[in-house]
Every structure is written in C-alpha cells, then in structure tokens.
Amino acid sequence: MDKLGEYSLLYDFYGELLTDKQRQIYEEVKFKDLSLSEAAEIFGVSRQGVHDTVRRVEEALDQYEETLGLVRQFRAVKEKTERIREICGKINALLGETDEIAEILKLTEEIEEL
C-alpha cells in the first residue's frame, strides 16, 4: 500500500482522536489535494504551519497505531477471514456445498462487518 493509502487507513481508524483543526487541515491537503499555500490561505496560517500540522498529524497517527494496533488487528482479521474463505472453497470443491460451510461463510462476513 502506498503512503497516502496507509495514512488514509490510519486516519479512518484514528482521525476522531485529532483536533478539529488538525482534521480539517489534513483532509484539505491530503484528501482534497490542496497545496500547502492554498490550505494556509483558507485556515489563516502560514504555509509552514500547514506543513507542520500535516507532519504532526502523521506522527500522531503512527503513534496511535503503535500504541493501539487497531489497523494491525484489522489486517490480521481480514487475512484470516480470507484464508477461511479459501479453505471453505476447497471443502466445497471436494464435498459440494454444505449448510455448515454456508454458515461458516456467513459468520466470516459478519466478522468482517464488525
């Protein structure tokens, strides 16, 4: 995953832990692709202030992940549920579809929705 994609995922998990101003600046620069100068004008701060805010937000997101590990856990669950689907597919190929396999796949979907 590229750097923007990685920080987008971290932001999805931890964005609410940031201040309103940090969220607004970060969203404008990273997700709406405003330049630092454009964001500085909108928020009435210096270009350097916008740059520092973006850097601090990314440092905070990294720290939240290091401390809480929610994205790491999310990825682990996704990998395990994908593996369960693969195994169920192999069992279906050998035995045909069973109610038990259908139930396992349904539970896997429910786990992913959590």
PDB file of N, CA and C in Angstrom:
ATOM      1  N   MET A   1       0.849  -1.180   0.000  1.00  0.00           N
ATOM      2  CA  MET A   1       0.000   0.000   0.000  1.00  0.00           C
ATOM      3  C   MET A   1       0.896   1.245   0.000  1.00  0.00           C
ATOM      4  N   ASP A   2       0.519   2.235  -0.796  1.00  0.00           N
ATOM      5  CA  ASP A   2       1.306   3.458  -0.849  1.00  0.00           C
ATOM      6  C   ASP A   2       1.123   4.275   0.436  1.00  0.00           C
ATOM      7  N   LYS A   3       1.958   5.294   0.575  1.00  0.00           N
ATOM      8  CA  LYS A   3       1.960   6.094   1.807  1.00  0.00           C
ATOM      9  C   LYS A   3       0.616   6.775   2.045  1.00  0.00           C
ATOM     10  N   LEU A   4       0.015   7.344   0.998  1.00  0.00           N
ATOM     11  CA  LEU A   4      -1.282   8.007   1.156  1.00  0.00           C
ATOM     12  C   LEU A   4      -2.349   6.998   1.559  1.00  0.00           C
ATOM     13  N   GLY A   5      -2.325   5.828   0.937  1.00  0.00           N
ATOM     14  CA  GLY A   5      -3.284   4.783   1.291  1.00  0.00           C
ATOM     15  C   GLY A   5      -3.123   4.334   2.729  1.00  0.00           C
ATOM     16  N   GLU A   6      -1.884   4.205   3.158  1.00  0.00           N
ATOM     17  CA  GLU A   6      -1.602   3.790   4.533  1.00  0.00           C
ATOM     18  C   GLU A   6      -2.123   4.832   5.525  1.00  0.00           C
ATOM     19  N   TYR A   7      -1.839   6.100   5.255  1.00  0.00           N
ATOM     20  CA  TYR A   7      -2.305   7.151   6.159  1.00  0.00           C
ATOM     21  C   TYR A   7      -3.820   7.345   6.083  1.00  0.00           C
ATOM     22  N   SER A   8      -4.418   7.050   4.939  1.00  0.00           N
ATOM     23  CA  SER A   8      -5.877   7.108   4.831  1.00  0.00           C
ATOM     24  C   SER A   8      -6.510   6.072   5.753  1.00  0.00           C
ATOM     25  N   LEU A   9      -5.923   4.875   5.773  1.00  0.00           N
ATOM     26  CA  LEU A   9      -6.438   3.830   6.650  1.00  0.00           C
ATOM     27  C   LEU A   9      -6.239   4.200   8.118  1.00  0.00           C
ATOM     28  N   LEU A  10      -5.060   4.692   8.447  1.00  0.00           N
ATOM     29  CA  LEU A  10      -4.815   5.133   9.819  1.00  0.00           C
ATOM     30  C   LEU A  10      -5.783   6.249  10.206  1.00  0.00           C
ATOM     31  N   TYR A  11      -6.021   7.161   9.281  1.00  0.00           N
ATOM     32  CA  TYR A  11      -6.941   8.271   9.538  1.00  0.00           C
ATOM     33  C   TYR A  11      -8.361   7.751   9.773  1.00  0.00           C
ATOM     34  N   ASP A  12      -8.772   6.742   9.003  1.00  0.00           N
ATOM     35  CA  ASP A  12     -10.100   6.158   9.201  1.00  0.00           C
ATOM     36  C   ASP A  12     -10.264   5.622  10.625  1.00  0.00           C
ATOM     37  N   PHE A  13      -9.219   5.035  11.137  1.00  0.00           N
ATOM     38  CA  PHE A  13      -9.282   4.446  12.475  1.00  0.00           C
ATOM     39  C   PHE A  13      -9.103   5.480  13.588  1.00  0.00           C
ATOM     40  N   TYR A  14      -8.218   6.434  13.386  1.00  0.00           N
ATOM     41  CA  TYR A  14      -7.821   7.313  14.482  1.00  0.00           C
ATOM     42  C   TYR A  14      -8.128   8.793  14.269  1.00  0.00           C
ATOM     43  N   GLY A  15      -8.732   9.145  13.156  1.00  0.00           N
ATOM     44  CA  GLY A  15      -8.989  10.546  12.853  1.00  0.00           C
ATOM     45  C   GLY A  15      -9.778  11.277  13.923  1.00  0.00           C
ATOM     46  N   GLU A  16     -10.690  10.592  14.568  1.00  0.00           N
ATOM     47  CA  GLU A  16     -11.509  11.234  15.599  1.00  0.00           C
ATOM     48  C   GLU A  16     -10.695  11.616  16.834  1.00  0.00           C
ATOM     49  N   LEU A  17      -9.504  11.098  16.958  1.00  0.00           N
ATOM     50  CA  LEU A  17      -8.650  11.437  18.094  1.00  0.00           C
ATOM     51  C   LEU A  17      -7.892  12.748  17.875  1.00  0.00           C
ATOM     52  N   LEU A  18      -7.947  13.267  16.658  1.00  0.00           N
ATOM     53  CA  LEU A  18      -7.276  14.526  16.326  1.00  0.00           C
ATOM     54  C   LEU A  18      -8.190  15.702  16.669  1.00  0.00           C
ATOM     55  N   THR A  19      -7.609  16.878  16.749  1.00  0.00           N
ATOM     56  CA  THR A  19      -8.425  18.069  16.961  1.00  0.00           C
ATOM     57  C   THR A  19      -9.177  18.390  15.666  1.00  0.00           C
ATOM     58  N   ASP A  20     -10.222  19.199  15.783  1.00  0.00           N
ATOM     59  CA  ASP A  20     -10.993  19.582  14.601  1.00  0.00           C
ATOM     60  C   ASP A  20     -10.104  20.262  13.566  1.00  0.00           C
ATOM     61  N   LYS A  21      -9.264  21.165  14.016  1.00  0.00           N
ATOM     62  CA  LYS A  21      -8.401  21.909  13.087  1.00  0.00           C
ATOM     63  C   LYS A  21      -7.410  20.969  12.407  1.00  0.00           C
ATOM     64  N   GLN A  22      -6.836  20.043  13.171  1.00  0.00           N
ATOM     65  CA  GLN A  22      -5.918  19.075  12.564  1.00  0.00           C
ATOM     66  C   GLN A  22      -6.630  18.262  11.490  1.00  0.00           C
ATOM     67  N   ARG A  23      -7.843  17.805  11.796  1.00  0.00           N
ATOM     68  CA  ARG A  23      -8.613  17.018  10.821  1.00  0.00           C
ATOM     69  C   ARG A  23      -8.904  17.840   9.575  1.00  0.00           C
ATOM     70  N   GLN A  24      -9.331  19.074   9.764  1.00  0.00           N
ATOM     71  CA  GLN A  24      -9.689  19.915   8.622  1.00  0.00           C
ATOM     72  C   GLN A  24      -8.478  20.159   7.725  1.00  0.00           C
ATOM     73  N   ILE A  25      -7.375  20.541   8.319  1.00  0.00           N
ATOM     74  CA  ILE A  25      -6.164  20.813   7.525  1.00  0.00           C
ATOM     75  C   ILE A  25      -5.699  19.546   6.814  1.00  0.00           C
ATOM     76  N   TYR A  26      -5.651  18.445   7.549  1.00  0.00           N
ATOM     77  CA  TYR A  26      -5.170  17.196   6.960  1.00  0.00           C
ATOM     78  C   TYR A  26      -6.059  16.754   5.798  1.00  0.00           C
ATOM     79  N   GLU A  27      -7.363  16.836   5.977  1.00  0.00           N
ATOM     80  CA  GLU A  27      -8.287  16.441   4.914  1.00  0.00           C
ATOM     81  C   GLU A  27      -8.120  17.313   3.671  1.00  0.00           C
ATOM     82  N   GLU A  28      -7.971  18.611   3.876  1.00  0.00           N
ATOM     83  CA  GLU A  28      -7.823  19.512   2.731  1.00  0.00           C
ATOM     84  C   GLU A  28      -6.541  19.223   1.949  1.00  0.00           C
ATOM     85  N   VAL A  29      -5.457  19.000   2.662  1.00  0.00           N
ATOM     86  CA  VAL A  29      -4.161  18.800   1.995  1.00  0.00           C
ATOM     87  C   VAL A  29      -4.044  17.398   1.411  1.00  0.00           C
ATOM     88  N   LYS A  30      -4.418  16.388   2.184  1.00  0.00           N
ATOM     89  CA  LYS A  30      -4.186  15.009   1.749  1.00  0.00           C
ATOM     90  C   LYS A  30      -5.313  14.419   0.914  1.00  0.00           C
ATOM     91  N   PHE A  31      -6.549  14.729   1.246  1.00  0.00           N
ATOM     92  CA  PHE A  31      -7.665  14.079   0.569  1.00  0.00           C
ATOM     93  C   PHE A  31      -8.292  14.945  -0.520  1.00  0.00           C
ATOM     94  N   LYS A  32      -8.205  16.271  -0.352  1.00  0.00           N
ATOM     95  CA  LYS A  32      -8.755  17.168  -1.379  1.00  0.00           C
ATOM     96  C   LYS A  32      -7.649  17.768  -2.241  1.00  0.00           C
ATOM     97  N   ASP A  33      -6.414  17.382  -1.940  1.00  0.00           N
ATOM     98  CA  ASP A  33      -5.240  17.726  -2.747  1.00  0.00           C
ATOM     99  C   ASP A  33      -5.000  19.230  -2.882  1.00  0.00           C
ATOM    100  N   LEU A  34      -5.298  19.974  -1.830  1.00  0.00           N
ATOM    101  CA  LEU A  34      -4.959  21.394  -1.822  1.00  0.00           C
ATOM    102  C   LEU A  34      -3.465  21.543  -1.569  1.00  0.00           C
ATOM    103  N   SER A  35      -2.891  22.562  -2.137  1.00  0.00           N
ATOM    104  CA  SER A  35      -1.481  22.829  -1.867  1.00  0.00           C
ATOM    105  C   SER A  35      -1.355  23.396  -0.456  1.00  0.00           C
ATOM    106  N   LEU A  36      -0.149  23.385   0.064  1.00  0.00           N
ATOM    107  CA  LEU A  36       0.094  23.959   1.387  1.00  0.00           C
ATOM    108  C   LEU A  36      -0.290  25.440   1.398  1.00  0.00           C
ATOM    109  N   SER A  37       0.026  26.136   0.320  1.00  0.00           N
ATOM    110  CA  SER A  37      -0.299  27.560   0.233  1.00  0.00           C
ATOM    111  C   SER A  37      -1.800  27.796   0.217  1.00  0.00           C
ATOM    112  N   GLU A  38      -2.524  26.979  -0.534  1.00  0.00           N
ATOM    113  CA  GLU A  38      -3.982  27.121  -0.582  1.00  0.00           C
ATOM    114  C   GLU A  38      -4.602  26.851   0.789  1.00  0.00           C
ATOM    115  N   ALA A  39      -4.138  25.805   1.449  1.00  0.00           N
ATOM    116  CA  ALA A  39      -4.662  25.477   2.779  1.00  0.00           C
ATOM    117  C   ALA A  39      -4.299  26.573   3.772  1.00  0.00           C
ATOM    118  N   ALA A  40      -3.100  27.114   3.651  1.00  0.00           N
ATOM    119  CA  ALA A  40      -2.676  28.187   4.560  1.00  0.00           C
ATOM    120  C   ALA A  40      -3.601  29.390   4.421  1.00  0.00           C
ATOM    121  N   GLU A  41      -3.951  29.713   3.208  1.00  0.00           N
ATOM    122  CA  GLU A  41      -4.846  30.853   2.975  1.00  0.00           C
ATOM    123  C   GLU A  41      -6.231  30.589   3.570  1.00  0.00           C
ATOM    124  N   ILE A  42      -6.748  29.390   3.377  1.00  0.00           N
ATOM    125  CA  ILE A  42      -8.073  29.034   3.899  1.00  0.00           C
ATOM    126  C   ILE A  42      -8.110  29.105   5.420  1.00  0.00           C
ATOM    127  N   PHE A  43      -7.060  28.591   6.055  1.00  0.00           N
ATOM    128  CA  PHE A  43      -7.058  28.487   7.517  1.00  0.00           C
ATOM    129  C   PHE A  43      -6.393  29.673   8.215  1.00  0.00           C
ATOM    130  N   GLY A  44      -5.872  30.598   7.443  1.00  0.00           N
ATOM    131  CA  GLY A  44      -5.277  31.796   8.028  1.00  0.00           C
ATOM    132  C   GLY A  44      -4.015  31.515   8.825  1.00  0.00           C
ATOM    133  N   VAL A  45      -3.234  30.563   8.339  1.00  0.00           N
ATOM    134  CA  VAL A  45      -1.951  30.241   8.976  1.00  0.00           C
ATOM    135  C   VAL A  45      -0.880  30.258   7.898  1.00  0.00           C
ATOM    136  N   SER A  46       0.361  30.123   8.311  1.00  0.00           N
ATOM    137  CA  SER A  46       1.450  30.113   7.335  1.00  0.00           C
ATOM    138  C   SER A  46       1.514  28.771   6.615  1.00  0.00           C
ATOM    139  N   ARG A  47       2.171  28.788   5.480  1.00  0.00           N
ATOM    140  CA  ARG A  47       2.412  27.556   4.729  1.00  0.00           C
ATOM    141  C   ARG A  47       3.175  26.568   5.598  1.00  0.00           C
ATOM    142  N   GLN A  48       4.161  27.081   6.335  1.00  0.00           N
ATOM    143  CA  GLN A  48       4.936  26.236   7.241  1.00  0.00           C
ATOM    144  C   GLN A  48       4.051  25.649   8.341  1.00  0.00           C
ATOM    145  N   GLY A  49       3.085  26.439   8.799  1.00  0.00           N
ATOM    146  CA  GLY A  49       2.150  25.947   9.814  1.00  0.00           C
ATOM    147  C   GLY A  49       1.319  24.778   9.304  1.00  0.00           C
ATOM    148  N   VAL A  50       0.887  24.869   8.065  1.00  0.00           N
ATOM    149  CA  VAL A  50       0.135  23.772   7.451  1.00  0.00           C
ATOM    150  C   VAL A  50       1.036  22.541   7.331  1.00  0.00           C
ATOM    151  N   HIS A  51       2.251  22.756   6.839  1.00  0.00           N
ATOM    152  CA  HIS A  51       3.203  21.644   6.697  1.00  0.00           C
ATOM    153  C   HIS A  51       3.455  20.969   8.045  1.00  0.00           C
ATOM    154  N   ASP A  52       3.678  21.767   9.069  1.00  0.00           N
ATOM    155  CA  ASP A  52       3.925  21.218  10.410  1.00  0.00           C
ATOM    156  C   ASP A  52       2.710  20.457  10.932  1.00  0.00           C
ATOM    157  N   THR A  53       1.523  20.975  10.673  1.00  0.00           N
ATOM    158  CA  THR A  53       0.304  20.294  11.119  1.00  0.00           C
ATOM    159  C   THR A  53       0.170  18.935  10.442  1.00  0.00           C
ATOM    160  N   VAL A  54       0.384  18.890   9.140  1.00  0.00           N
ATOM    161  CA  VAL A  54       0.302  17.626   8.400  1.00  0.00           C
ATOM    162  C   VAL A  54       1.324  16.631   8.948  1.00  0.00           C
ATOM    163  N   ARG A  55       2.536  17.093   9.188  1.00  0.00           N
ATOM    164  CA  ARG A  55       3.591  16.227   9.723  1.00  0.00           C
ATOM    165  C   ARG A  55       3.207  15.722  11.112  1.00  0.00           C
ATOM    166  N   ARG A  56       2.710  16.618  11.966  1.00  0.00           N
ATOM    167  CA  ARG A  56       2.316  16.215  13.323  1.00  0.00           C
ATOM    168  C   ARG A  56       1.146  15.233  13.308  1.00  0.00           C
ATOM    169  N   VAL A  57       0.208  15.446  12.395  1.00  0.00           N
ATOM    170  CA  VAL A  57      -0.918  14.518  12.281  1.00  0.00           C
ATOM    171  C   VAL A  57      -0.410  13.125  11.917  1.00  0.00           C
ATOM    172  N   GLU A  58       0.481  13.037  10.947  1.00  0.00           N
ATOM    173  CA  GLU A  58       1.002  11.729  10.545  1.00  0.00           C
ATOM    174  C   GLU A  58       1.806  11.084  11.671  1.00  0.00           C
ATOM    175  N   GLU A  59       2.548  11.884  12.414  1.00  0.00           N
ATOM    176  CA  GLU A  59       3.267  11.348  13.574  1.00  0.00           C
ATOM    177  C   GLU A  59       2.279  10.838  14.619  1.00  0.00           C
ATOM    178  N   ALA A  60       1.203  11.579  14.836  1.00  0.00           N
ATOM    179  CA  ALA A  60       0.185  11.162  15.814  1.00  0.00           C
ATOM    180  C   ALA A  60      -0.492   9.870  15.356  1.00  0.00           C
ATOM    181  N   LEU A  61      -0.826   9.778  14.078  1.00  0.00           N
ATOM    182  CA  LEU A  61      -1.459   8.569  13.560  1.00  0.00           C
ATOM    183  C   LEU A  61      -0.543   7.361  13.730  1.00  0.00           C
ATOM    184  N   ASP A  62       0.741   7.551  13.429  1.00  0.00           N
ATOM    185  CA  ASP A  62       1.717   6.467  13.633  1.00  0.00           C
ATOM    186  C   ASP A  62       1.782   6.057  15.100  1.00  0.00           C
ATOM    187  N   GLN A  63       1.772   7.036  15.984  1.00  0.00           N
ATOM    188  CA  GLN A  63       1.849   6.753  17.419  1.00  0.00           C
ATOM    189  C   GLN A  63       0.598   6.035  17.910  1.00  0.00           C
ATOM    190  N   TYR A  64      -0.570   6.462  17.444  1.00  0.00           N
ATOM    191  CA  TYR A  64      -1.808   5.785  17.832  1.00  0.00           C
ATOM    192  C   TYR A  64      -1.763   4.318  17.406  1.00  0.00           C
ATOM    193  N   GLU A  65      -1.289   4.079  16.197  1.00  0.00           N
ATOM    194  CA  GLU A  65      -1.221   2.702  15.709  1.00  0.00           C
ATOM    195  C   GLU A  65      -0.201   1.893  16.512  1.00  0.00           C
ATOM    196  N   GLU A  66       0.925   2.501  16.808  1.00  0.00           N
ATOM    197  CA  GLU A  66       1.938   1.805  17.600  1.00  0.00           C
ATOM    198  C   GLU A  66       1.380   1.433  18.980  1.00  0.00           C
ATOM    199  N   THR A  67       0.615   2.327  19.566  1.00  0.00           N
ATOM    200  CA  THR A  67       0.075   2.099  20.905  1.00  0.00           C
ATOM    201  C   THR A  67      -1.134   1.166  20.886  1.00  0.00           C
ATOM    202  N   LEU A  68      -2.075   1.397  19.965  1.00  0.00           N
ATOM    203  CA  LEU A  68      -3.338   0.672  19.978  1.00  0.00           C
ATOM    204  C   LEU A  68      -3.388  -0.528  19.029  1.00  0.00           C
ATOM    205  N   GLY A  69      -2.709  -0.420  17.902  1.00  0.00           N
ATOM    206  CA  GLY A  69      -2.620  -1.535  16.960  1.00  0.00           C
ATOM    207  C   GLY A  69      -3.920  -1.944  16.294  1.00  0.00           C
ATOM    208  N   LEU A  70      -4.868  -1.026  16.160  1.00  0.00           N
ATOM    209  CA  LEU A  70      -6.156  -1.388  15.576  1.00  0.00           C
ATOM    210  C   LEU A  70      -6.059  -1.745  14.095  1.00  0.00           C
ATOM    211  N   VAL A  71      -5.231  -1.049  13.354  1.00  0.00           N
ATOM    212  CA  VAL A  71      -5.074  -1.349  11.929  1.00  0.00           C
ATOM    213  C   VAL A  71      -4.388  -2.704  11.763  1.00  0.00           C
ATOM    214  N   ARG A  72      -3.403  -2.969  12.583  1.00  0.00           N
ATOM    215  CA  ARG A  72      -2.721  -4.269  12.541  1.00  0.00           C
ATOM    216  C   ARG A  72      -3.731  -5.395  12.819  1.00  0.00           C
ATOM    217  N   GLN A  73      -4.579  -5.200  13.815  1.00  0.00           N
ATOM    218  CA  GLN A  73      -5.598  -6.206  14.127  1.00  0.00           C
ATOM    219  C   GLN A  73      -6.603  -6.346  12.993  1.00  0.00           C
ATOM    220  N   PHE A  74      -7.005  -5.222  12.418  1.00  0.00           N
ATOM    221  CA  PHE A  74      -7.939  -5.227  11.292  1.00  0.00           C
ATOM    222  C   PHE A  74      -7.370  -6.046  10.138  1.00  0.00           C
ATOM    223  N   ARG A  75      -6.115  -5.812   9.821  1.00  0.00           N
ATOM    224  CA  ARG A  75      -5.479  -6.554   8.721  1.00  0.00           C
ATOM    225  C   ARG A  75      -5.379  -8.042   9.037  1.00  0.00           C
ATOM    226  N   ALA A  76      -5.078  -8.376  10.279  1.00  0.00           N
ATOM    227  CA  ALA A  76      -4.974  -9.781  10.681  1.00  0.00           C
ATOM    228  C   ALA A  76      -6.327 -10.475  10.524  1.00  0.00           C
ATOM    229  N   VAL A  77      -7.391  -9.805  10.926  1.00  0.00           N
ATOM    230  CA  VAL A  77      -8.730 -10.382  10.786  1.00  0.00           C
ATOM    231  C   VAL A  77      -9.054 -10.579   9.308  1.00  0.00           C
ATOM    232  N   LYS A  78      -8.751  -9.573   8.475  1.00  0.00           N
ATOM    233  CA  LYS A  78      -9.010  -9.683   7.042  1.00  0.00           C
ATOM    234  C   LYS A  78      -8.259 -10.872   6.431  1.00  0.00           C
ATOM    235  N   GLU A  79      -6.983 -11.035   6.807  1.00  0.00           N
ATOM    236  CA  GLU A  79      -6.192 -12.152   6.274  1.00  0.00           C
ATOM    237  C   GLU A  79      -6.770 -13.490   6.709  1.00  0.00           C
ATOM    238  N   LYS A  80      -7.157 -13.592   7.967  1.00  0.00           N
ATOM    239  CA  LYS A  80      -7.694 -14.857   8.477  1.00  0.00           C
ATOM    240  C   LYS A  80      -9.051 -15.185   7.865  1.00  0.00           C
ATOM    241  N   THR A  81      -9.904 -14.187   7.685  1.00  0.00           N
ATOM    242  CA  THR A  81     -11.203 -14.458   7.074  1.00  0.00           C
ATOM    243  C   THR A  81     -11.035 -14.840   5.603  1.00  0.00           C
ATOM    244  N   GLU A  82     -10.057 -14.247   4.941  1.00  0.00           N
ATOM    245  CA  GLU A  82      -9.784 -14.638   3.553  1.00  0.00           C
ATOM    246  C   GLU A  82      -9.298 -16.084   3.497  1.00  0.00           C
ATOM    247  N   ARG A  83      -8.469 -16.458   4.422  1.00  0.00           N
ATOM    248  CA  ARG A  83      -7.980 -17.848   4.486  1.00  0.00           C
ATOM    249  C   ARG A  83      -9.139 -18.809   4.764  1.00  0.00           C
ATOM    250  N   ILE A  84     -10.057 -18.417   5.634  1.00  0.00           N
ATOM    251  CA  ILE A  84     -11.237 -19.248   5.907  1.00  0.00           C
ATOM    252  C   ILE A  84     -12.047 -19.435   4.621  1.00  0.00           C
ATOM    253  N   ARG A  85     -12.206 -18.368   3.857  1.00  0.00           N
ATOM    254  CA  ARG A  85     -12.948 -18.480   2.581  1.00  0.00           C
ATOM    255  C   ARG A  85     -12.255 -19.449   1.624  1.00  0.00           C
ATOM    256  N   GLU A  86     -10.923 -19.357   1.565  1.00  0.00           N
ATOM    257  CA  GLU A  86     -10.173 -20.266   0.679  1.00  0.00           C
ATOM    258  C   GLU A  86     -10.377 -21.719   1.093  1.00  0.00           C
ATOM    259  N   ILE A  87     -10.289 -21.984   2.386  1.00  0.00           N
ATOM    260  CA  ILE A  87     -10.466 -23.349   2.883  1.00  0.00           C
ATOM    261  C   ILE A  87     -11.885 -23.836   2.602  1.00  0.00           C
ATOM    262  N   CYS A  88     -12.870 -22.971   2.833  1.00  0.00           N
ATOM    263  CA  CYS A  88     -14.257 -23.343   2.549  1.00  0.00           C
ATOM    264  C   CYS A  88     -14.442 -23.650   1.066  1.00  0.00           C
ATOM    265  N   GLY A  89     -13.795 -22.892   0.219  1.00  0.00           N
ATOM    266  CA  GLY A  89     -13.872 -23.147  -1.218  1.00  0.00           C
ATOM    267  C   GLY A  89     -13.310 -24.511  -1.578  1.00  0.00           C
ATOM    268  N   LYS A  90     -12.210 -24.881  -0.947  1.00  0.00           N
ATOM    269  CA  LYS A  90     -11.610 -26.206  -1.194  1.00  0.00           C
ATOM    270  C   LYS A  90     -12.527 -27.318  -0.687  1.00  0.00           C
ATOM    271  N   ILE A  91     -13.121 -27.109   0.481  1.00  0.00           N
ATOM    272  CA  ILE A  91     -14.044 -28.115   1.022  1.00  0.00           C
ATOM    273  C   ILE A  91     -15.264 -28.241   0.122  1.00  0.00           C
ATOM    274  N   ASN A  92     -15.785 -27.109  -0.339  1.00  0.00           N
ATOM    275  CA  ASN A  92     -16.925 -27.150  -1.261  1.00  0.00           C
ATOM    276  C   ASN A  92     -16.579 -27.916  -2.529  1.00  0.00           C
ATOM    277  N   ALA A  93     -15.344 -27.731  -3.028  1.00  0.00           N
ATOM    278  CA  ALA A  93     -14.926 -28.424  -4.243  1.00  0.00           C
ATOM    279  C   ALA A  93     -14.871 -29.935  -4.015  1.00  0.00           C
ATOM    280  N   LEU A  94     -14.503 -30.340  -2.809  1.00  0.00           N
ATOM    281  CA  LEU A  94     -14.402 -31.772  -2.511  1.00  0.00           C
ATOM    282  C   LEU A  94     -15.748 -32.401  -2.172  1.00  0.00           C
ATOM    283  N   LEU A  95     -16.540 -31.719  -1.366  1.00  0.00           N
ATOM    284  CA  LEU A  95     -17.767 -32.309  -0.830  1.00  0.00           C
ATOM    285  C   LEU A  95     -19.040 -31.745  -1.430  1.00  0.00           C
ATOM    286  N   GLY A  96     -18.913 -30.663  -2.147  1.00  0.00           N
ATOM    287  CA  GLY A  96     -20.113 -29.946  -2.576  1.00  0.00           C
ATOM    288  C   GLY A  96     -20.530 -28.990  -1.470  1.00  0.00           C
ATOM    289  N   GLU A  97     -21.453 -28.111  -1.787  1.00  0.00           N
ATOM    290  CA  GLU A  97     -21.880 -27.127  -0.784  1.00  0.00           C
ATOM    291  C   GLU A  97     -22.625 -27.812   0.347  1.00  0.00           C
ATOM    292  N   THR A  98     -22.279 -27.389   1.559  1.00  0.00           N
ATOM    293  CA  THR A  98     -22.970 -27.915   2.735  1.00  0.00           C
ATOM    294  C   THR A  98     -23.529 -26.739   3.531  1.00  0.00           C
ATOM    295  N   ASP A  99     -24.513 -27.036   4.353  1.00  0.00           N
ATOM    296  CA  ASP A  99     -25.092 -25.991   5.207  1.00  0.00           C
ATOM    297  C   ASP A  99     -24.048 -25.446   6.176  1.00  0.00           C
ATOM    298  N   GLU A 100     -23.172 -26.336   6.627  1.00  0.00           N
ATOM    299  CA  GLU A 100     -22.150 -25.921   7.584  1.00  0.00           C
ATOM    300  C   GLU A 100     -21.167 -24.927   6.960  1.00  0.00           C
ATOM    301  N   ILE A 101     -20.755 -25.196   5.756  1.00  0.00           N
ATOM    302  CA  ILE A 101     -19.832 -24.285   5.061  1.00  0.00           C
ATOM    303  C   ILE A 101     -20.530 -22.959   4.793  1.00  0.00           C
ATOM    304  N   ALA A 102     -21.781 -23.002   4.394  1.00  0.00           N
ATOM    305  CA  ALA A 102     -22.536 -21.759   4.175  1.00  0.00           C
ATOM    306  C   ALA A 102     -22.610 -20.947   5.461  1.00  0.00           C
ATOM    307  N   GLU A 103     -22.808 -21.615   6.581  1.00  0.00           N
ATOM    308  CA  GLU A 103     -22.868 -20.930   7.874  1.00  0.00           C
ATOM    309  C   GLU A 103     -21.509 -20.329   8.231  1.00  0.00           C
ATOM    310  N   ILE A 104     -20.445 -21.061   7.980  1.00  0.00           N
ATOM    311  CA  ILE A 104     -19.092 -20.536   8.247  1.00  0.00           C
ATOM    312  C   ILE A 104     -18.846 -19.289   7.410  1.00  0.00           C
ATOM    313  N   LEU A 105     -19.210 -19.326   6.150  1.00  0.00           N
ATOM    314  CA  LEU A 105     -19.017 -18.159   5.279  1.00  0.00           C
ATOM    315  C   LEU A 105     -19.866 -16.977   5.734  1.00  0.00           C
ATOM    316  N   LYS A 106     -21.066 -17.255   6.204  1.00  0.00           N
ATOM    317  CA  LYS A 106     -21.924 -16.186   6.720  1.00  0.00           C
ATOM    318  C   LYS A 106     -21.293 -15.557   7.963  1.00  0.00           C
ATOM    319  N   LEU A 107     -20.789 -16.374   8.855  1.00  0.00           N
ATOM    320  CA  LEU A 107     -20.122 -15.863  10.054  1.00  0.00           C
ATOM    321  C   LEU A 107     -18.879 -15.049   9.684  1.00  0.00           C
ATOM    322  N   THR A 108     -18.163 -15.489   8.680  1.00  0.00           N
ATOM    323  CA  THR A 108     -16.978 -14.768   8.219  1.00  0.00           C
ATOM    324  C   THR A 108     -17.360 -13.369   7.746  1.00  0.00           C
ATOM    325  N   GLU A 109     -18.452 -13.259   7.016  1.00  0.00           N
ATOM    326  CA  GLU A 109     -18.933 -11.949   6.573  1.00  0.00           C
ATOM    327  C   GLU A 109     -19.307 -11.076   7.768  1.00  0.00           C
ATOM    328  N   GLU A 110     -19.972 -11.653   8.743  1.00  0.00           N
ATOM    329  CA  GLU A 110     -20.365 -10.900   9.929  1.00  0.00           C
ATOM    330  C   GLU A 110     -19.149 -10.408  10.715  1.00  0.00           C
ATOM    331  N   ILE A 111     -18.124 -11.228  10.791  1.00  0.00           N
ATOM    332  CA  ILE A 111     -16.888 -10.818  11.478  1.00  0.00           C
ATOM    333  C   ILE A 111     -16.262  -9.634  10.760  1.00  0.00           C
ATOM    334  N   GLU A 112     -16.245  -9.683   9.450  1.00  0.00           N
ATOM    335  CA  GLU A 112     -15.635  -8.583   8.688  1.00  0.00           C
ATOM    336  C   GLU A 112     -16.410  -7.283   8.821  1.00  0.00           C
ATOM    337  N   GLU A 113     -17.695  -7.373   9.088  1.00  0.00           N
ATOM    338  CA  GLU A 113     -18.510  -6.166   9.247  1.00  0.00           C
ATOM    339  C   GLU A 113     -18.323  -5.493  10.610  1.00  0.00           C
ATOM    340  N   LEU A 114     -17.720  -6.200  11.557  1.00  0.00           N
ATOM    341  CA  LEU A 114     -17.536  -5.627  12.893  1.00  0.00           C
ATOM    342  C   LEU A 114     -16.623  -4.425  12.884  1.00  0.00           C
TER     343      LEU A 114
END
